[in-house]
Amino acid sequence: MHAKQKFKLSVPMRSLLFVAAGVWTFAGGMLLVRGGIMLIHYPAHLWIKELSCLAGGLLFYWLLFSTISHKHTARILTMKSERPCLFAFFNLKSYLLMAVMISSGITLRLSGIVSPEYLSYVYVTMGIPLLLSAFRFYYVGFRYQKVISGKNGRNYLD
């Protein structure tokens, strides 16, 4: 056995879907909690703020995150390895995007460039599509079964 294989943190493909779901749940939940805490410190017209965040979050999910989460689940399901690396739930481009988004959020929060009142909108609005995207990973993970044999001998979710 090669040293690379010996130390590879590999998991079954179905487990990788649940790892992805957990990461997206954590990110979405963290943004919703942080944003919600900031949002309630500015209670004027709170229900309007909450509705606008919900509408924005649903719009972001529908226009962007739905496609992204679909691409990631499809990529996971079509991986060549039966036991991919634990960190393979994202590709390199997505890891870079995630790093930029996290860094930007932390920088904006700590620098004070943007008022917490307005930053709370961004956090809640972005937390909603992340959490909704996590549900796709859970759904596919729970429904995961080898049903249809693909061209390259791989099996896909029906």
N, C-alpha and C. Protein backbone atom coordinates (compact mmCIF):
# COMPACT_ATOMS: atom_id res chain seq x y z
N MET A 1 0.85 -1.19 0.00
CA MET A 1 0.00 0.00 0.00
C MET A 1 0.89 1.23 0.00
N HIS A 2 0.58 2.15 -0.88
CA HIS A 2 1.35 3.39 -0.97
C HIS A 2 1.07 4.27 0.26
N ALA A 3 2.04 5.11 0.60
CA ALA A 3 1.87 6.01 1.75
C ALA A 3 0.69 6.95 1.53
N LYS A 4 0.51 7.37 0.29
CA LYS A 4 -0.61 8.27 -0.03
C LYS A 4 -1.95 7.62 0.30
N GLN A 5 -2.10 6.36 -0.08
CA GLN A 5 -3.35 5.64 0.20
C GLN A 5 -3.51 5.35 1.68
N LYS A 6 -2.40 5.11 2.36
CA LYS A 6 -2.43 4.76 3.77
C LYS A 6 -2.99 5.90 4.63
N PHE A 7 -2.66 7.14 4.26
CA PHE A 7 -3.05 8.29 5.06
C PHE A 7 -4.23 9.07 4.47
N LYS A 8 -4.80 8.57 3.39
CA LYS A 8 -5.92 9.26 2.76
C LYS A 8 -7.16 9.12 3.64
N LEU A 9 -7.78 10.25 3.94
CA LEU A 9 -9.03 10.24 4.71
C LEU A 9 -10.18 10.02 3.73
N SER A 10 -10.47 8.78 3.44
CA SER A 10 -11.50 8.48 2.47
C SER A 10 -12.78 8.02 3.17
N VAL A 11 -13.88 8.31 2.52
CA VAL A 11 -15.19 7.94 3.06
C VAL A 11 -16.04 7.40 1.91
N PRO A 12 -17.05 6.61 2.22
CA PRO A 12 -17.96 6.17 1.16
C PRO A 12 -18.67 7.38 0.54
N MET A 13 -19.04 7.24 -0.71
CA MET A 13 -19.65 8.35 -1.44
C MET A 13 -20.89 8.91 -0.72
N ARG A 14 -21.70 8.02 -0.19
CA ARG A 14 -22.90 8.47 0.53
C ARG A 14 -22.51 9.32 1.73
N SER A 15 -21.47 8.93 2.44
CA SER A 15 -21.01 9.71 3.59
C SER A 15 -20.53 11.09 3.17
N LEU A 16 -19.92 11.16 1.98
CA LEU A 16 -19.44 12.45 1.49
C LEU A 16 -20.61 13.41 1.28
N LEU A 17 -21.74 12.89 0.86
CA LEU A 17 -22.93 13.74 0.72
C LEU A 17 -23.35 14.31 2.08
N PHE A 18 -23.25 13.49 3.12
CA PHE A 18 -23.61 13.95 4.46
C PHE A 18 -22.56 14.90 5.03
N VAL A 19 -21.30 14.72 4.67
CA VAL A 19 -20.26 15.67 5.09
C VAL A 19 -20.55 17.02 4.46
N ALA A 20 -20.85 17.01 3.16
CA ALA A 20 -21.20 18.25 2.46
C ALA A 20 -22.42 18.90 3.10
N ALA A 21 -23.43 18.11 3.40
CA ALA A 21 -24.65 18.63 4.03
C ALA A 21 -24.32 19.27 5.37
N GLY A 22 -23.47 18.63 6.15
CA GLY A 22 -23.09 19.17 7.45
C GLY A 22 -22.34 20.48 7.35
N VAL A 23 -21.43 20.57 6.37
CA VAL A 23 -20.67 21.81 6.19
C VAL A 23 -21.60 22.94 5.77
N TRP A 24 -22.50 22.67 4.82
CA TRP A 24 -23.43 23.70 4.37
C TRP A 24 -24.41 24.07 5.48
N THR A 25 -24.83 23.10 6.28
CA THR A 25 -25.73 23.38 7.41
C THR A 25 -25.02 24.27 8.42
N PHE A 26 -23.78 23.92 8.74
CA PHE A 26 -23.00 24.72 9.69
C PHE A 26 -22.84 26.15 9.20
N ALA A 27 -22.45 26.32 7.94
CA ALA A 27 -22.23 27.66 7.39
C ALA A 27 -23.53 28.46 7.37
N GLY A 28 -24.60 27.85 6.87
CA GLY A 28 -25.89 28.55 6.82
C GLY A 28 -26.42 28.86 8.21
N GLY A 29 -26.32 27.90 9.11
CA GLY A 29 -26.78 28.11 10.49
C GLY A 29 -26.00 29.19 11.20
N MET A 30 -24.67 29.18 11.01
CA MET A 30 -23.83 30.19 11.65
C MET A 30 -24.20 31.59 11.15
N LEU A 31 -24.39 31.73 9.85
CA LEU A 31 -24.77 33.04 9.31
C LEU A 31 -26.15 33.47 9.81
N LEU A 32 -27.08 32.53 9.87
CA LEU A 32 -28.42 32.88 10.36
C LEU A 32 -28.39 33.30 11.83
N VAL A 33 -27.63 32.59 12.64
CA VAL A 33 -27.55 32.94 14.06
C VAL A 33 -26.85 34.28 14.25
N ARG A 34 -25.68 34.45 13.63
CA ARG A 34 -24.95 35.73 13.77
C ARG A 34 -25.78 36.89 13.22
N GLY A 35 -26.34 36.68 12.04
CA GLY A 35 -27.15 37.74 11.44
C GLY A 35 -28.40 38.02 12.23
N GLY A 36 -29.03 36.98 12.75
CA GLY A 36 -30.24 37.15 13.56
C GLY A 36 -29.96 37.91 14.84
N ILE A 37 -28.84 37.60 15.47
CA ILE A 37 -28.46 38.32 16.70
C ILE A 37 -28.22 39.79 16.40
N MET A 38 -27.52 40.06 15.30
CA MET A 38 -27.29 41.46 14.93
C MET A 38 -28.60 42.14 14.56
N LEU A 39 -29.47 41.41 13.88
CA LEU A 39 -30.74 41.97 13.42
C LEU A 39 -31.65 42.38 14.57
N ILE A 40 -31.71 41.58 15.64
CA ILE A 40 -32.61 41.91 16.74
C ILE A 40 -32.11 43.08 17.59
N HIS A 41 -30.87 43.48 17.40
CA HIS A 41 -30.36 44.67 18.10
C HIS A 41 -30.91 45.95 17.47
N TYR A 42 -31.54 45.82 16.33
CA TYR A 42 -32.15 46.96 15.64
C TYR A 42 -33.61 46.61 15.36
N PRO A 43 -34.46 46.66 16.40
CA PRO A 43 -35.82 46.11 16.31
C PRO A 43 -36.83 46.92 15.49
N ALA A 44 -36.49 48.13 15.09
CA ALA A 44 -37.44 48.93 14.31
C ALA A 44 -37.78 48.20 13.01
N HIS A 45 -39.06 47.99 12.78
CA HIS A 45 -39.56 47.33 11.56
C HIS A 45 -38.94 45.95 11.36
N LEU A 46 -38.78 45.21 12.44
CA LEU A 46 -38.10 43.92 12.39
C LEU A 46 -38.76 42.95 11.42
N TRP A 47 -40.09 42.92 11.41
CA TRP A 47 -40.78 41.96 10.53
C TRP A 47 -40.54 42.29 9.07
N ILE A 48 -40.40 43.57 8.74
CA ILE A 48 -40.10 43.95 7.35
C ILE A 48 -38.68 43.51 6.99
N LYS A 49 -37.76 43.69 7.93
CA LYS A 49 -36.38 43.26 7.70
C LYS A 49 -36.31 41.75 7.51
N GLU A 50 -37.04 41.02 8.35
CA GLU A 50 -37.04 39.56 8.26
C GLU A 50 -37.64 39.09 6.93
N LEU A 51 -38.74 39.71 6.53
CA LEU A 51 -39.36 39.34 5.26
C LEU A 51 -38.46 39.65 4.08
N SER A 52 -37.77 40.80 4.13
CA SER A 52 -36.88 41.15 3.02
C SER A 52 -35.69 40.20 2.97
N CYS A 53 -35.18 39.78 4.12
CA CYS A 53 -34.09 38.79 4.15
C CYS A 53 -34.57 37.45 3.60
N LEU A 54 -35.77 37.05 3.99
CA LEU A 54 -36.33 35.79 3.51
C LEU A 54 -36.51 35.84 1.99
N ALA A 55 -37.07 36.92 1.48
CA ALA A 55 -37.28 37.06 0.04
C ALA A 55 -35.93 37.05 -0.70
N GLY A 56 -34.97 37.79 -0.18
CA GLY A 56 -33.64 37.82 -0.80
C GLY A 56 -32.96 36.47 -0.75
N GLY A 57 -33.08 35.78 0.38
CA GLY A 57 -32.47 34.46 0.52
C GLY A 57 -33.09 33.44 -0.42
N LEU A 58 -34.41 33.47 -0.53
CA LEU A 58 -35.08 32.56 -1.46
C LEU A 58 -34.71 32.86 -2.91
N LEU A 59 -34.59 34.15 -3.22
CA LEU A 59 -34.19 34.55 -4.57
C LEU A 59 -32.76 34.07 -4.88
N PHE A 60 -31.84 34.27 -3.93
CA PHE A 60 -30.47 33.79 -4.11
C PHE A 60 -30.44 32.28 -4.30
N TYR A 61 -31.24 31.57 -3.52
CA TYR A 61 -31.29 30.12 -3.66
C TYR A 61 -31.79 29.74 -5.05
N TRP A 62 -32.88 30.34 -5.45
CA TRP A 62 -33.49 30.00 -6.72
C TRP A 62 -32.59 30.35 -7.91
N LEU A 63 -31.93 31.52 -7.87
CA LEU A 63 -31.12 31.97 -8.99
C LEU A 63 -29.71 31.39 -9.02
N LEU A 64 -29.14 31.04 -7.85
CA LEU A 64 -27.73 30.68 -7.81
C LEU A 64 -27.45 29.38 -7.05
N PHE A 65 -27.85 29.34 -5.80
CA PHE A 65 -27.44 28.23 -4.93
C PHE A 65 -28.07 26.90 -5.33
N SER A 66 -29.26 26.92 -5.88
CA SER A 66 -29.89 25.68 -6.34
C SER A 66 -29.01 25.01 -7.40
N THR A 67 -28.53 25.80 -8.32
CA THR A 67 -27.65 25.28 -9.37
C THR A 67 -26.32 24.80 -8.80
N ILE A 68 -25.75 25.57 -7.89
CA ILE A 68 -24.47 25.20 -7.30
C ILE A 68 -24.58 23.89 -6.53
N SER A 69 -25.60 23.76 -5.69
CA SER A 69 -25.73 22.54 -4.89
C SER A 69 -26.05 21.34 -5.79
N HIS A 70 -26.79 21.57 -6.87
CA HIS A 70 -27.05 20.49 -7.81
C HIS A 70 -25.76 20.02 -8.49
N LYS A 71 -24.92 20.97 -8.90
CA LYS A 71 -23.65 20.62 -9.53
C LYS A 71 -22.75 19.84 -8.58
N HIS A 72 -22.73 20.24 -7.30
CA HIS A 72 -21.89 19.54 -6.33
C HIS A 72 -22.40 18.13 -6.05
N THR A 73 -23.71 17.96 -5.94
CA THR A 73 -24.23 16.60 -5.71
C THR A 73 -23.95 15.73 -6.93
N ALA A 74 -24.15 16.27 -8.12
CA ALA A 74 -23.88 15.50 -9.34
C ALA A 74 -22.40 15.14 -9.44
N ARG A 75 -21.53 16.07 -9.08
CA ARG A 75 -20.10 15.81 -9.13
C ARG A 75 -19.72 14.70 -8.15
N ILE A 76 -20.29 14.74 -6.96
CA ILE A 76 -20.01 13.70 -5.97
C ILE A 76 -20.50 12.35 -6.48
N LEU A 77 -21.70 12.31 -7.02
CA LEU A 77 -22.28 11.05 -7.48
C LEU A 77 -21.54 10.45 -8.67
N THR A 78 -20.82 11.27 -9.42
CA THR A 78 -20.12 10.77 -10.60
C THR A 78 -18.62 10.62 -10.38
N MET A 79 -18.17 10.70 -9.13
CA MET A 79 -16.74 10.52 -8.86
C MET A 79 -16.32 9.11 -9.22
N LYS A 80 -15.09 8.96 -9.68
CA LYS A 80 -14.58 7.65 -10.09
C LYS A 80 -14.31 6.75 -8.89
N SER A 81 -13.89 7.32 -7.80
CA SER A 81 -13.54 6.55 -6.62
C SER A 81 -14.79 6.21 -5.81
N GLU A 82 -14.87 4.96 -5.35
CA GLU A 82 -15.96 4.56 -4.46
C GLU A 82 -15.79 5.16 -3.07
N ARG A 83 -14.54 5.48 -2.71
CA ARG A 83 -14.24 6.07 -1.41
C ARG A 83 -13.40 7.33 -1.63
N PRO A 84 -14.05 8.43 -2.00
CA PRO A 84 -13.30 9.67 -2.24
C PRO A 84 -12.77 10.27 -0.95
N CYS A 85 -11.87 11.21 -1.11
CA CYS A 85 -11.31 11.92 0.02
C CYS A 85 -12.41 12.67 0.78
N LEU A 86 -12.28 12.73 2.07
CA LEU A 86 -13.25 13.39 2.94
C LEU A 86 -13.50 14.85 2.53
N PHE A 87 -12.48 15.49 1.96
CA PHE A 87 -12.58 16.90 1.60
C PHE A 87 -13.00 17.12 0.14
N ALA A 88 -13.39 16.06 -0.56
CA ALA A 88 -13.74 16.16 -1.98
C ALA A 88 -15.16 16.64 -2.22
N PHE A 89 -15.86 17.07 -1.18
CA PHE A 89 -17.23 17.55 -1.40
C PHE A 89 -17.24 18.88 -2.13
N PHE A 90 -16.10 19.59 -2.14
CA PHE A 90 -15.92 20.82 -2.92
C PHE A 90 -14.79 20.59 -3.90
N ASN A 91 -14.83 21.30 -5.01
CA ASN A 91 -13.68 21.32 -5.90
C ASN A 91 -12.82 22.53 -5.51
N LEU A 92 -11.68 22.68 -6.12
CA LEU A 92 -10.75 23.74 -5.75
C LEU A 92 -11.38 25.13 -5.90
N LYS A 93 -12.09 25.36 -6.98
CA LYS A 93 -12.74 26.65 -7.22
C LYS A 93 -13.70 26.99 -6.07
N SER A 94 -14.45 26.01 -5.61
CA SER A 94 -15.41 26.24 -4.52
C SER A 94 -14.71 26.51 -3.20
N TYR A 95 -13.60 25.83 -2.95
CA TYR A 95 -12.83 26.11 -1.73
C TYR A 95 -12.30 27.53 -1.74
N LEU A 96 -11.82 27.98 -2.90
CA LEU A 96 -11.31 29.36 -3.02
C LEU A 96 -12.44 30.37 -2.81
N LEU A 97 -13.59 30.11 -3.43
CA LEU A 97 -14.75 30.99 -3.26
C LEU A 97 -15.19 31.03 -1.80
N MET A 98 -15.20 29.87 -1.15
CA MET A 98 -15.58 29.82 0.26
C MET A 98 -14.60 30.63 1.11
N ALA A 99 -13.31 30.52 0.83
CA ALA A 99 -12.31 31.27 1.59
C ALA A 99 -12.49 32.77 1.41
N VAL A 100 -12.78 33.19 0.19
CA VAL A 100 -13.01 34.62 -0.07
C VAL A 100 -14.26 35.11 0.65
N MET A 101 -15.33 34.33 0.61
CA MET A 101 -16.58 34.74 1.26
C MET A 101 -16.43 34.82 2.78
N ILE A 102 -15.78 33.81 3.36
CA ILE A 102 -15.58 33.83 4.82
C ILE A 102 -14.70 34.99 5.22
N SER A 103 -13.60 35.18 4.50
CA SER A 103 -12.69 36.28 4.80
C SER A 103 -13.38 37.64 4.67
N SER A 104 -14.18 37.78 3.63
CA SER A 104 -14.90 39.04 3.42
C SER A 104 -15.90 39.30 4.54
N GLY A 105 -16.64 38.28 4.93
CA GLY A 105 -17.62 38.43 6.01
C GLY A 105 -16.96 38.81 7.33
N ILE A 106 -15.87 38.14 7.65
CA ILE A 106 -15.15 38.43 8.90
C ILE A 106 -14.56 39.83 8.85
N THR A 107 -13.94 40.17 7.73
CA THR A 107 -13.33 41.50 7.58
C THR A 107 -14.37 42.60 7.71
N LEU A 108 -15.50 42.44 7.06
CA LEU A 108 -16.56 43.46 7.15
C LEU A 108 -17.08 43.59 8.57
N ARG A 109 -17.23 42.45 9.25
CA ARG A 109 -17.76 42.49 10.62
C ARG A 109 -16.77 43.13 11.59
N LEU A 110 -15.52 42.76 11.49
CA LEU A 110 -14.52 43.24 12.44
C LEU A 110 -14.03 44.66 12.15
N SER A 111 -14.06 45.05 10.89
CA SER A 111 -13.53 46.37 10.52
C SER A 111 -14.50 47.50 10.85
N GLY A 112 -15.77 47.20 10.88
CA GLY A 112 -16.75 48.26 11.13
C GLY A 112 -17.05 49.09 9.90
N ILE A 113 -16.53 48.69 8.75
CA ILE A 113 -16.79 49.42 7.50
C ILE A 113 -18.28 49.45 7.21
N VAL A 114 -18.94 48.34 7.48
CA VAL A 114 -20.39 48.23 7.26
C VAL A 114 -21.04 48.11 8.64
N SER A 115 -22.06 48.88 8.86
CA SER A 115 -22.80 48.85 10.11
C SER A 115 -23.37 47.46 10.36
N PRO A 116 -23.33 46.98 11.61
CA PRO A 116 -23.93 45.67 11.91
C PRO A 116 -25.40 45.57 11.49
N GLU A 117 -26.09 46.70 11.52
CA GLU A 117 -27.50 46.67 11.10
C GLU A 117 -27.62 46.21 9.65
N TYR A 118 -26.76 46.70 8.77
CA TYR A 118 -26.83 46.33 7.36
C TYR A 118 -26.13 44.99 7.09
N LEU A 119 -25.08 44.73 7.84
CA LEU A 119 -24.39 43.46 7.70
C LEU A 119 -25.29 42.30 8.10
N SER A 120 -26.18 42.55 9.04
CA SER A 120 -27.11 41.49 9.46
C SER A 120 -27.98 41.04 8.29
N TYR A 121 -28.37 41.96 7.42
CA TYR A 121 -29.15 41.60 6.24
C TYR A 121 -28.37 40.62 5.37
N VAL A 122 -27.10 40.94 5.14
CA VAL A 122 -26.26 40.10 4.29
C VAL A 122 -26.12 38.71 4.91
N TYR A 123 -25.83 38.65 6.21
CA TYR A 123 -25.64 37.37 6.87
C TYR A 123 -26.90 36.50 6.79
N VAL A 124 -28.05 37.07 7.13
CA VAL A 124 -29.29 36.30 7.12
C VAL A 124 -29.66 35.92 5.69
N THR A 125 -29.55 36.87 4.78
CA THR A 125 -29.91 36.61 3.39
C THR A 125 -29.03 35.52 2.79
N MET A 126 -27.76 35.45 3.14
CA MET A 126 -26.87 34.41 2.61
C MET A 126 -27.02 33.09 3.38
N GLY A 127 -27.40 33.16 4.63
CA GLY A 127 -27.59 31.94 5.41
C GLY A 127 -28.74 31.10 4.91
N ILE A 128 -29.79 31.75 4.44
CA ILE A 128 -30.97 31.03 3.97
C ILE A 128 -30.66 30.12 2.78
N PRO A 129 -30.03 30.61 1.70
CA PRO A 129 -29.76 29.70 0.58
C PRO A 129 -28.73 28.62 0.93
N LEU A 130 -27.79 28.93 1.82
CA LEU A 130 -26.84 27.90 2.24
C LEU A 130 -27.56 26.76 2.96
N LEU A 131 -28.46 27.12 3.85
CA LEU A 131 -29.21 26.10 4.58
C LEU A 131 -30.13 25.31 3.65
N LEU A 132 -30.79 26.00 2.74
CA LEU A 132 -31.65 25.31 1.78
C LEU A 132 -30.84 24.37 0.89
N SER A 133 -29.64 24.78 0.51
CA SER A 133 -28.77 23.94 -0.31
C SER A 133 -28.35 22.69 0.46
N ALA A 134 -28.14 22.83 1.76
CA ALA A 134 -27.77 21.68 2.58
C ALA A 134 -28.85 20.61 2.51
N PHE A 135 -30.10 21.01 2.43
CA PHE A 135 -31.20 20.05 2.36
C PHE A 135 -31.10 19.18 1.11
N ARG A 136 -30.58 19.73 0.02
CA ARG A 136 -30.40 18.92 -1.20
C ARG A 136 -29.41 17.78 -0.92
N PHE A 137 -28.31 18.10 -0.23
CA PHE A 137 -27.32 17.07 0.10
C PHE A 137 -27.93 16.00 1.01
N TYR A 138 -28.69 16.43 2.01
CA TYR A 138 -29.36 15.46 2.89
C TYR A 138 -30.31 14.57 2.08
N TYR A 139 -31.10 15.20 1.24
CA TYR A 139 -32.09 14.48 0.44
C TYR A 139 -31.41 13.43 -0.44
N VAL A 140 -30.39 13.85 -1.17
CA VAL A 140 -29.69 12.91 -2.06
C VAL A 140 -28.98 11.84 -1.23
N GLY A 141 -28.42 12.22 -0.10
CA GLY A 141 -27.75 11.25 0.76
C GLY A 141 -28.70 10.20 1.30
N PHE A 142 -29.88 10.61 1.72
CA PHE A 142 -30.86 9.65 2.24
C PHE A 142 -31.44 8.78 1.14
N ARG A 143 -31.55 9.33 -0.06
CA ARG A 143 -32.09 8.57 -1.19
C ARG A 143 -31.02 7.79 -1.94
N TYR A 144 -29.76 7.95 -1.56
CA TYR A 144 -28.65 7.35 -2.28
C TYR A 144 -28.83 5.84 -2.38
N GLN A 145 -28.79 5.38 -3.61
CA GLN A 145 -28.84 3.95 -3.85
C GLN A 145 -28.27 3.71 -5.24
N LYS A 146 -27.73 2.57 -5.41
CA LYS A 146 -27.17 2.25 -6.72
C LYS A 146 -28.29 1.64 -7.57
N VAL A 147 -28.76 2.43 -8.50
CA VAL A 147 -29.94 2.03 -9.26
C VAL A 147 -29.61 1.83 -10.74
N ILE A 148 -29.02 2.83 -11.35
CA ILE A 148 -28.81 2.82 -12.80
C ILE A 148 -27.31 2.73 -13.08
N SER A 149 -26.90 1.83 -13.90
CA SER A 149 -25.50 1.70 -14.26
C SER A 149 -25.18 2.68 -15.36
N GLY A 150 -24.15 3.49 -15.14
CA GLY A 150 -23.75 4.50 -16.11
C GLY A 150 -22.82 3.93 -17.17
N LYS A 151 -22.47 4.76 -18.14
CA LYS A 151 -21.61 4.36 -19.25
C LYS A 151 -20.25 3.87 -18.78
N ASN A 152 -19.70 4.53 -17.77
CA ASN A 152 -18.36 4.18 -17.33
C ASN A 152 -18.38 3.14 -16.20
N GLY A 153 -19.50 2.44 -16.05
CA GLY A 153 -19.59 1.41 -15.01
C GLY A 153 -20.00 1.95 -13.65
N ARG A 154 -20.15 3.25 -13.54
CA ARG A 154 -20.55 3.87 -12.29
C ARG A 154 -22.06 3.79 -12.16
N ASN A 155 -22.53 3.84 -10.96
CA ASN A 155 -23.96 3.82 -10.72
C ASN A 155 -24.42 5.20 -10.29
N TYR A 156 -25.58 5.60 -10.73
CA TYR A 156 -26.10 6.93 -10.45
C TYR A 156 -27.41 6.84 -9.70
N LEU A 157 -27.73 7.92 -9.03
CA LEU A 157 -28.99 8.01 -8.31
C LEU A 157 -30.11 8.16 -9.33
N ASP A 158 -31.16 7.43 -9.17
CA ASP A 158 -32.30 7.49 -10.08
C ASP A 158 -33.01 8.82 -9.95
